[in-house]
């Protein structure tokens, strides 16, 4: 499992490239669980400013 910081452009690109399973917003954060064709399962945590964190999980 890896966690890395991501700028707004990377978050947008990942969300465009993935199959979004579920997306929830709460107190200025948006959390997305998704499947990426090459990276596998991802959890994307997006802040109100557009950047955030990406969690790459193991299959």
PDB file of N, CA and C in Angstrom:
ATOM      1  N   UNK A   1       0.861  -1.164   0.000  1.00  0.00           N
ATOM      2  CA  UNK A   1       0.000   0.000   0.000  1.00  0.00           C
ATOM      3  C   UNK A   1       0.909   1.228   0.000  1.00  0.00           C
ATOM      4  N   UNK A   2       0.560   2.202  -0.811  1.00  0.00           N
ATOM      5  CA  UNK A   2       1.313   3.451  -0.850  1.00  0.00           C
ATOM      6  C   UNK A   2       0.346   4.620  -0.713  1.00  0.00           C
ATOM      7  N   UNK A   3       0.791   5.669  -0.023  1.00  0.00           N
ATOM      8  CA  UNK A   3       0.034   6.913   0.092  1.00  0.00           C
ATOM      9  C   UNK A   3       0.934   8.023  -0.408  1.00  0.00           C
ATOM     10  N   UNK A   4       0.421   8.836  -1.339  1.00  0.00           N
ATOM     11  CA  UNK A   4       1.222   9.949  -1.813  1.00  0.00           C
ATOM     12  C   UNK A   4       0.359  11.187  -2.017  1.00  0.00           C
ATOM     13  N   UNK A   5       1.013  12.341  -1.870  1.00  0.00           N
ATOM     14  CA  UNK A   5       0.333  13.615  -2.100  1.00  0.00           C
ATOM     15  C   UNK A   5       0.169  13.822  -3.596  1.00  0.00           C
ATOM     16  N   UNK A   6      -0.910  14.496  -3.965  1.00  0.00           N
ATOM     17  CA  UNK A   6      -1.187  14.725  -5.384  1.00  0.00           C
ATOM     18  C   UNK A   6      -1.704  16.138  -5.597  1.00  0.00           C
ATOM     19  N   UNK A   7      -1.218  16.760  -6.653  1.00  0.00           N
ATOM     20  CA  UNK A   7      -1.706  18.082  -7.039  1.00  0.00           C
ATOM     21  C   UNK A   7      -3.047  17.928  -7.748  1.00  0.00           C
ATOM     22  N   UNK A   8      -3.735  19.047  -7.895  1.00  0.00           N
ATOM     23  CA  UNK A   8      -5.088  19.054  -8.462  1.00  0.00           C
ATOM     24  C   UNK A   8      -5.144  18.399  -9.843  1.00  0.00           C
ATOM     25  N   UNK A   9      -4.164  18.659 -10.704  1.00  0.00           N
ATOM     26  CA  UNK A   9      -4.174  18.092 -12.065  1.00  0.00           C
ATOM     27  C   UNK A   9      -4.088  16.570 -12.038  1.00  0.00           C
ATOM     28  N   UNK A  10      -3.245  16.030 -11.174  1.00  0.00           N
ATOM     29  CA  UNK A  10      -3.127  14.574 -11.067  1.00  0.00           C
ATOM     30  C   UNK A  10      -4.423  13.962 -10.559  1.00  0.00           C
ATOM     31  N   UNK A  11      -5.045  14.607  -9.594  1.00  0.00           N
ATOM     32  CA  UNK A  11      -6.333  14.103  -9.071  1.00  0.00           C
ATOM     33  C   UNK A  11      -7.377  14.085 -10.189  1.00  0.00           C
ATOM     34  N   UNK A  12      -7.470  15.167 -10.950  1.00  0.00           N
ATOM     35  CA  UNK A  12      -8.432  15.219 -12.071  1.00  0.00           C
ATOM     36  C   UNK A  12      -8.144  14.112 -13.082  1.00  0.00           C
ATOM     37  N   UNK A  13      -6.871  13.937 -13.439  1.00  0.00           N
ATOM     38  CA  UNK A  13      -6.505  12.906 -14.405  1.00  0.00           C
ATOM     39  C   UNK A  13      -6.873  11.513 -13.904  1.00  0.00           C
ATOM     40  N   UNK A  14      -6.555  11.226 -12.650  1.00  0.00           N
ATOM     41  CA  UNK A  14      -6.886   9.912 -12.101  1.00  0.00           C
ATOM     42  C   UNK A  14      -8.391   9.673 -12.089  1.00  0.00           C
ATOM     43  N   UNK A  15      -9.156  10.684 -11.719  1.00  0.00           N
ATOM     44  CA  UNK A  15     -10.615  10.516 -11.689  1.00  0.00           C
ATOM     45  C   UNK A  15     -11.169  10.292 -13.100  1.00  0.00           C
ATOM     46  N   UNK A  16     -10.549  10.900 -14.103  1.00  0.00           N
ATOM     47  CA  UNK A  16     -10.982  10.702 -15.494  1.00  0.00           C
ATOM     48  C   UNK A  16     -10.640   9.306 -16.008  1.00  0.00           C
ATOM     49  N   UNK A  17      -9.539   8.724 -15.512  1.00  0.00           N
ATOM     50  CA  UNK A  17      -9.046   7.447 -16.007  1.00  0.00           C
ATOM     51  C   UNK A  17      -9.609   6.240 -15.265  1.00  0.00           C
ATOM     52  N   UNK A  18     -10.328   6.457 -14.181  1.00  0.00           N
ATOM     53  CA  UNK A  18     -10.765   5.344 -13.341  1.00  0.00           C
ATOM     54  C   UNK A  18     -12.250   5.071 -13.473  1.00  0.00           C
ATOM     55  N   UNK A  19     -12.614   3.890 -13.033  1.00  0.00           N
ATOM     56  CA  UNK A  19     -14.021   3.529 -12.851  1.00  0.00           C
ATOM     57  C   UNK A  19     -14.337   3.861 -11.398  1.00  0.00           C
ATOM     58  N   UNK A  20     -15.159   4.890 -11.196  1.00  0.00           N
ATOM     59  CA  UNK A  20     -15.485   5.317  -9.838  1.00  0.00           C
ATOM     60  C   UNK A  20     -16.520   4.369  -9.248  1.00  0.00           C
ATOM     61  N   UNK A  21     -16.194   3.808  -8.099  1.00  0.00           N
ATOM     62  CA  UNK A  21     -17.092   2.868  -7.420  1.00  0.00           C
ATOM     63  C   UNK A  21     -18.046   3.638  -6.509  1.00  0.00           C
ATOM     64  N   UNK A  22     -17.501   4.548  -5.706  1.00  0.00           N
ATOM     65  CA  UNK A  22     -18.324   5.367  -4.819  1.00  0.00           C
ATOM     66  C   UNK A  22     -17.603   6.686  -4.568  1.00  0.00           C
ATOM     67  N   UNK A  23     -18.387   7.733  -4.383  1.00  0.00           N
ATOM     68  CA  UNK A  23     -17.832   9.053  -4.105  1.00  0.00           C
ATOM     69  C   UNK A  23     -18.678   9.714  -3.027  1.00  0.00           C
ATOM     70  N   UNK A  24     -18.011  10.238  -2.004  1.00  0.00           N
ATOM     71  CA  UNK A  24     -18.716  10.905  -0.906  1.00  0.00           C
ATOM     72  C   UNK A  24     -18.003  12.199  -0.551  1.00  0.00           C
ATOM     73  N   UNK A  25     -18.786  13.228  -0.254  1.00  0.00           N
ATOM     74  CA  UNK A  25     -18.231  14.510   0.190  1.00  0.00           C
ATOM     75  C   UNK A  25     -18.591  14.711   1.657  1.00  0.00           C
ATOM     76  N   UNK A  26     -17.633  15.282   2.417  1.00  0.00           N
ATOM     77  CA  UNK A  26     -17.869  15.515   3.837  1.00  0.00           C
ATOM     78  C   UNK A  26     -16.912  16.590   4.336  1.00  0.00           C
ATOM     79  N   UNK A  27     -17.422  17.656   4.844  1.00  0.00           N
ATOM     80  CA  UNK A  27     -16.676  18.738   5.483  1.00  0.00           C
ATOM     81  C   UNK A  27     -15.452  19.192   4.676  1.00  0.00           C
ATOM     82  N   UNK A  28     -15.672  19.521   3.421  1.00  0.00           N
ATOM     83  CA  UNK A  28     -14.604  20.062   2.585  1.00  0.00           C
ATOM     84  C   UNK A  28     -13.702  19.024   1.937  1.00  0.00           C
ATOM     85  N   UNK A  29     -13.959  17.746   2.167  1.00  0.00           N
ATOM     86  CA  UNK A  29     -13.190  16.680   1.533  1.00  0.00           C
ATOM     87  C   UNK A  29     -14.103  15.836   0.669  1.00  0.00           C
ATOM     88  N   UNK A  30     -13.564  15.329  -0.424  1.00  0.00           N
ATOM     89  CA  UNK A  30     -14.273  14.365  -1.247  1.00  0.00           C
ATOM     90  C   UNK A  30     -13.433  13.101  -1.280  1.00  0.00           C
ATOM     91  N   UNK A  31     -14.059  11.975  -0.972  1.00  0.00           N
ATOM     92  CA  UNK A  31     -13.368  10.686  -0.962  1.00  0.00           C
ATOM     93  C   UNK A  31     -13.954   9.831  -2.077  1.00  0.00           C
ATOM     94  N   UNK A  32     -13.058   9.305  -2.908  1.00  0.00           N
ATOM     95  CA  UNK A  32     -13.466   8.493  -4.055  1.00  0.00           C
ATOM     96  C   UNK A  32     -12.776   7.140  -3.965  1.00  0.00           C
ATOM     97  N   UNK A  33     -13.549   6.072  -4.062  1.00  0.00           N
ATOM     98  CA  UNK A  33     -12.992   4.732  -4.202  1.00  0.00           C
ATOM     99  C   UNK A  33     -13.146   4.362  -5.670  1.00  0.00           C
ATOM    100  N   UNK A  34     -12.039   3.916  -6.299  1.00  0.00           N
ATOM    101  CA  UNK A  34     -12.076   3.702  -7.745  1.00  0.00           C
ATOM    102  C   UNK A  34     -11.165   2.549  -8.148  1.00  0.00           C
ATOM    103  N   UNK A  35     -11.356   2.095  -9.402  1.00  0.00           N
ATOM    104  CA  UNK A  35     -10.483   1.081 -10.006  1.00  0.00           C
ATOM    105  C   UNK A  35      -9.809   1.703 -11.223  1.00  0.00           C
ATOM    106  N   UNK A  36      -8.491   1.664 -11.231  1.00  0.00           N
ATOM    107  CA  UNK A  36      -7.705   2.194 -12.332  1.00  0.00           C
ATOM    108  C   UNK A  36      -7.233   1.012 -13.187  1.00  0.00           C
ATOM    109  N   UNK A  37      -7.185   1.148 -14.528  1.00  0.00           N
ATOM    110  CA  UNK A  37      -6.810   0.007 -15.371  1.00  0.00           C
ATOM    111  C   UNK A  37      -5.410  -0.549 -15.097  1.00  0.00           C
ATOM    112  N   UNK A  38      -4.452   0.279 -14.718  1.00  0.00           N
ATOM    113  CA  UNK A  38      -3.099  -0.227 -14.463  1.00  0.00           C
ATOM    114  C   UNK A  38      -2.675  -0.139 -13.004  1.00  0.00           C
ATOM    115  N   UNK A  39      -3.205   0.801 -12.258  1.00  0.00           N
ATOM    116  CA  UNK A  39      -2.815   0.984 -10.859  1.00  0.00           C
ATOM    117  C   UNK A  39      -3.641   0.141  -9.901  1.00  0.00           C
ATOM    118  N   UNK A  40      -4.776  -0.367 -10.350  1.00  0.00           N
ATOM    119  CA  UNK A  40      -5.628  -1.179  -9.488  1.00  0.00           C
ATOM    120  C   UNK A  40      -6.557  -0.327  -8.640  1.00  0.00           C
ATOM    121  N   UNK A  41      -6.795  -0.760  -7.410  1.00  0.00           N
ATOM    122  CA  UNK A  41      -7.726  -0.075  -6.518  1.00  0.00           C
ATOM    123  C   UNK A  41      -7.081   1.184  -5.952  1.00  0.00           C
ATOM    124  N   UNK A  42      -7.820   2.286  -5.993  1.00  0.00           N
ATOM    125  CA  UNK A  42      -7.351   3.566  -5.471  1.00  0.00           C
ATOM    126  C   UNK A  42      -8.384   4.171  -4.544  1.00  0.00           C
ATOM    127  N   UNK A  43      -7.903   4.905  -3.554  1.00  0.00           N
ATOM    128  CA  UNK A  43      -8.746   5.787  -2.763  1.00  0.00           C
ATOM    129  C   UNK A  43      -8.165   7.180  -2.954  1.00  0.00           C
ATOM    130  N   UNK A  44      -8.994   8.104  -3.426  1.00  0.00           N
ATOM    131  CA  UNK A  44      -8.569   9.474  -3.692  1.00  0.00           C
ATOM    132  C   UNK A  44      -9.254  10.386  -2.689  1.00  0.00           C
ATOM    133  N   UNK A  45      -8.460  11.159  -1.949  1.00  0.00           N
ATOM    134  CA  UNK A  45      -8.988  12.121  -0.978  1.00  0.00           C
ATOM    135  C   UNK A  45      -8.671  13.501  -1.532  1.00  0.00           C
ATOM    136  N   UNK A  46      -9.708  14.224  -1.921  1.00  0.00           N
ATOM    137  CA  UNK A  46      -9.549  15.528  -2.563  1.00  0.00           C
ATOM    138  C   UNK A  46      -9.989  16.638  -1.621  1.00  0.00           C
ATOM    139  N   UNK A  47      -9.148  17.661  -1.473  1.00  0.00           N
ATOM    140  CA  UNK A  47      -9.490  18.804  -0.635  1.00  0.00           C
ATOM    141  C   UNK A  47     -10.304  19.809  -1.452  1.00  0.00           C
ATOM    142  N   UNK A  48     -10.844  20.805  -0.773  1.00  0.00           N
ATOM    143  CA  UNK A  48     -11.628  21.831  -1.459  1.00  0.00           C
ATOM    144  C   UNK A  48     -10.782  22.580  -2.490  1.00  0.00           C
ATOM    145  N   UNK A  49      -9.472  22.667  -2.287  1.00  0.00           N
ATOM    146  CA  UNK A  49      -8.582  23.343  -3.219  1.00  0.00           C
ATOM    147  C   UNK A  49      -8.224  22.516  -4.438  1.00  0.00           C
ATOM    148  N   UNK A  50      -8.611  21.246  -4.468  1.00  0.00           N
ATOM    149  CA  UNK A  50      -8.378  20.395  -5.622  1.00  0.00           C
ATOM    150  C   UNK A  50      -7.265  19.382  -5.443  1.00  0.00           C
ATOM    151  N   UNK A  51      -6.271  19.660  -4.609  1.00  0.00           N
ATOM    152  CA  UNK A  51      -5.204  18.695  -4.351  1.00  0.00           C
ATOM    153  C   UNK A  51      -5.659  17.665  -3.341  1.00  0.00           C
ATOM    154  N   UNK A  52      -4.722  16.839  -2.891  1.00  0.00           N
ATOM    155  CA  UNK A  52      -5.098  15.872  -1.867  1.00  0.00           C
ATOM    156  C   UNK A  52      -4.128  14.721  -1.774  1.00  0.00           C
ATOM    157  N   UNK A  53      -4.671  13.540  -1.481  1.00  0.00           N
ATOM    158  CA  UNK A  53      -3.888  12.327  -1.302  1.00  0.00           C
ATOM    159  C   UNK A  53      -4.473  11.206  -2.143  1.00  0.00           C
ATOM    160  N   UNK A  54      -3.588  10.307  -2.559  1.00  0.00           N
ATOM    161  CA  UNK A  54      -4.019   9.109  -3.278  1.00  0.00           C
ATOM    162  C   UNK A  54      -3.465   7.912  -2.519  1.00  0.00           C
ATOM    163  N   UNK A  55      -4.332   6.935  -2.278  1.00  0.00           N
ATOM    164  CA  UNK A  55      -3.930   5.694  -1.624  1.00  0.00           C
ATOM    165  C   UNK A  55      -4.025   4.603  -2.677  1.00  0.00           C
ATOM    166  N   UNK A  56      -2.885   3.993  -2.979  1.00  0.00           N
ATOM    167  CA  UNK A  56      -2.835   2.896  -3.921  1.00  0.00           C
ATOM    168  C   UNK A  56      -2.809   1.607  -3.109  1.00  0.00           C
ATOM    169  N   UNK A  57      -3.832   0.782  -3.241  1.00  0.00           N
ATOM    170  CA  UNK A  57      -3.926  -0.437  -2.444  1.00  0.00           C
ATOM    171  C   UNK A  57      -3.471  -1.630  -3.262  1.00  0.00           C
ATOM    172  N   UNK A  58      -3.211  -2.727  -2.585  1.00  0.00           N
ATOM    173  CA  UNK A  58      -2.839  -3.964  -3.270  1.00  0.00           C
ATOM    174  C   UNK A  58      -4.093  -4.758  -3.585  1.00  0.00           C
ATOM    175  N   UNK A  59      -4.092  -5.395  -4.715  1.00  0.00           N
ATOM    176  CA  UNK A  59      -5.239  -6.208  -5.121  1.00  0.00           C
ATOM    177  C   UNK A  59      -5.389  -7.414  -4.235  1.00  0.00           C
TER     178      UNK A  59
END
